[in-house]
Structures are given as C-alpha cells and as structure tokens.
Amino acid sequence: MGIIQRFALFFIANAAALYLATLYVDGVSIPLRLEGFAIVVTVLTLIHLFIRPLIKAVLTPVIILTFGLGIILVNALTLYLLNLILPTVVISGLLPLALTAIIVSVLNLLLAPATK
C-alpha cells in the first residue's frame, strides 16, 4: 500500500477519533473549526506515519508482554507528543490521555486495518 493511501486511511481514522474524543472525553480540547482541526489531524497522521513506528520498535517487548495492549501506550505517547507540538491541543491529565488513546486505538483498528 502506498504512502498516499496510508496517509488517507490514517487521516480519516484520526479525524474520527479526535472528534469523538473532543466530544465525549472531559479534559480534551481540540479546535473543531475546519482549519484548526485539519492541522491537528494532519500532524497526528504524520506522527502516526513516521514517529509511531520508532516508538513501536522501542516498546515491542511491552507490546508482546501485554498481548498487544501496549499499542494503547504507543498511541498515548503519540498523543502526548501531539500535545507538546501543538499549543491548541490540550489533553489535561492521565485519564483523558488514556481514554483518547483507547479511542484512537479502536478507530485505527476498525478504519485503517490494511495499514498494519
């Protein structure tokens, strides 16, 4: 699968996950105006495409020992990185970060399964 198709699938999955997290998770604040939301989703998608594989490689033992649930930790680290990079994204606290990471994990599994 080409990088353009992977980008498009991750973009759609991340957009849906961030939108749901903004609506339903207290402590998560992401701009929902089109321009701001598109920038946030694009940055998260680029993190997923280029930095997430490095994080997964480092945390492979954790992922194996937890029978795949370590992916939630990987997604939490990517969201924390997004929170550090963009000042418009506010994830306040460990519980909102964990819930958002679970939402991102589930939607990436459902909407972008061919990218694994």
Protein backbone atom coordinates (compact mmCIF):
# COMPACT_ATOMS: atom_id res chain seq x y z
CA MET A 1 0.00 0.00 0.00
CA GLY A 2 1.34 3.40 -0.97
CA ILE A 3 2.09 6.23 1.39
CA ILE A 4 -0.81 8.30 0.00
CA GLN A 5 -3.36 5.57 0.75
CA ARG A 6 -1.89 5.02 4.22
CA PHE A 7 -2.00 8.76 4.88
CA ALA A 8 -5.64 8.95 3.75
CA LEU A 9 -6.73 5.99 5.91
CA PHE A 10 -4.90 7.27 8.98
CA PHE A 11 -6.24 10.78 8.36
CA ILE A 12 -9.84 9.55 8.33
CA ALA A 13 -9.36 7.30 11.37
CA ASN A 14 -7.54 10.01 13.35
CA ALA A 15 -10.12 12.65 12.42
CA ALA A 16 -12.96 10.45 13.65
CA ALA A 17 -11.06 9.54 16.85
CA LEU A 18 -10.12 13.10 17.73
CA TYR A 19 -13.63 14.35 17.02
CA LEU A 20 -15.15 11.69 19.29
CA ALA A 21 -12.57 12.34 22.00
CA THR A 22 -13.26 16.07 21.89
CA LEU A 23 -16.98 15.48 22.24
CA TYR A 24 -17.03 12.75 24.88
CA VAL A 25 -13.82 12.92 26.94
CA ASP A 26 -13.61 15.62 29.59
CA GLY A 27 -10.18 17.22 29.63
CA VAL A 28 -9.59 17.02 25.88
CA SER A 29 -9.73 20.27 23.97
CA ILE A 30 -9.08 20.29 20.23
CA PRO A 31 -10.19 23.09 17.90
CA LEU A 32 -13.17 21.93 15.86
CA ARG A 33 -13.04 24.71 13.27
CA LEU A 34 -12.11 23.20 9.92
CA GLU A 35 -8.67 24.80 9.56
CA GLY A 36 -7.51 24.10 13.09
CA PHE A 37 -8.93 20.59 13.14
CA ALA A 38 -7.31 19.77 9.79
CA ILE A 39 -3.92 20.93 11.08
CA VAL A 40 -4.24 18.84 14.25
CA VAL A 41 -5.32 15.72 12.33
CA THR A 42 -2.55 16.20 9.75
CA VAL A 43 0.13 16.49 12.45
CA LEU A 44 -1.21 13.41 14.27
CA THR A 45 -1.29 11.48 10.99
CA LEU A 46 2.32 12.44 10.23
CA ILE A 47 3.30 11.33 13.74
CA HIS A 48 1.49 8.03 13.10
CA LEU A 49 3.27 7.50 9.81
CA PHE A 50 6.82 8.48 10.76
CA ILE A 51 7.37 8.54 14.54
CA ARG A 52 4.95 5.84 15.73
CA PRO A 53 6.93 3.01 14.04
CA LEU A 54 10.00 4.07 16.03
CA ILE A 55 8.03 4.13 19.28
CA LYS A 56 6.57 0.70 18.44
CA ALA A 57 10.05 -0.66 17.78
CA VAL A 58 11.30 0.55 21.16
CA LEU A 59 8.21 -0.74 23.00
CA THR A 60 7.98 -4.10 21.20
CA PRO A 61 8.72 -6.10 24.39
CA VAL A 62 5.91 -4.28 26.22
CA ILE A 63 3.52 -4.89 23.32
CA ILE A 64 4.38 -8.60 23.30
CA LEU A 65 4.13 -8.99 27.10
CA THR A 66 0.72 -7.29 27.15
CA PHE A 67 -0.59 -9.32 24.19
CA GLY A 68 -0.98 -6.20 22.04
CA LEU A 69 -2.47 -3.89 24.64
CA GLY A 70 0.83 -1.98 24.68
CA ILE A 71 -0.40 -0.32 21.48
CA ILE A 72 -2.54 1.86 23.75
CA LEU A 73 0.68 3.07 25.40
CA VAL A 74 2.16 3.77 21.95
CA ASN A 75 -0.93 5.79 21.00
CA ALA A 76 -0.81 7.62 24.33
CA LEU A 77 2.79 8.61 23.63
CA THR A 78 1.87 9.86 20.15
CA LEU A 79 -0.98 11.90 21.62
CA TYR A 80 1.33 13.29 24.29
CA LEU A 81 3.76 14.28 21.54
CA LEU A 82 0.88 15.96 19.68
CA ASN A 83 0.02 17.81 22.89
CA LEU A 84 3.63 19.02 23.13
CA ILE A 85 3.89 20.10 19.48
CA LEU A 86 0.60 21.96 19.07
CA PRO A 87 -0.43 24.51 21.69
CA THR A 88 -4.07 24.38 20.51
CA VAL A 89 -4.35 20.74 21.62
CA VAL A 90 -4.95 20.38 25.36
CA ILE A 91 -5.12 16.96 26.96
CA SER A 92 -5.22 17.63 30.68
CA GLY A 93 -4.45 14.61 32.78
CA LEU A 94 -3.61 10.95 32.52
CA LEU A 95 -7.19 9.68 32.38
CA PRO A 96 -8.19 11.86 29.38
CA LEU A 97 -4.94 10.83 27.67
CA ALA A 98 -5.65 7.14 28.28
CA LEU A 99 -9.28 7.39 27.13
CA THR A 100 -8.28 9.28 24.00
CA ALA A 101 -5.55 6.71 23.30
CA ILE A 102 -8.13 3.91 23.58
CA ILE A 103 -10.45 5.73 21.16
CA VAL A 104 -7.59 6.27 18.71
CA SER A 105 -6.55 2.61 19.01
CA VAL A 106 -10.03 1.26 18.38
CA LEU A 107 -10.77 3.54 15.45
CA ASN A 108 -7.39 2.91 13.84
CA LEU A 109 -8.03 -0.81 14.19
CA LEU A 110 -11.51 -0.52 12.65
CA LEU A 111 -10.96 2.12 9.97
CA ALA A 112 -7.36 1.53 8.90
CA PRO A 113 -6.73 -2.23 9.24
CA ALA A 114 -4.89 -2.51 5.93
CA THR A 115 -2.10 -0.21 7.11
CA LYS A 116 -0.70 -2.66 9.68
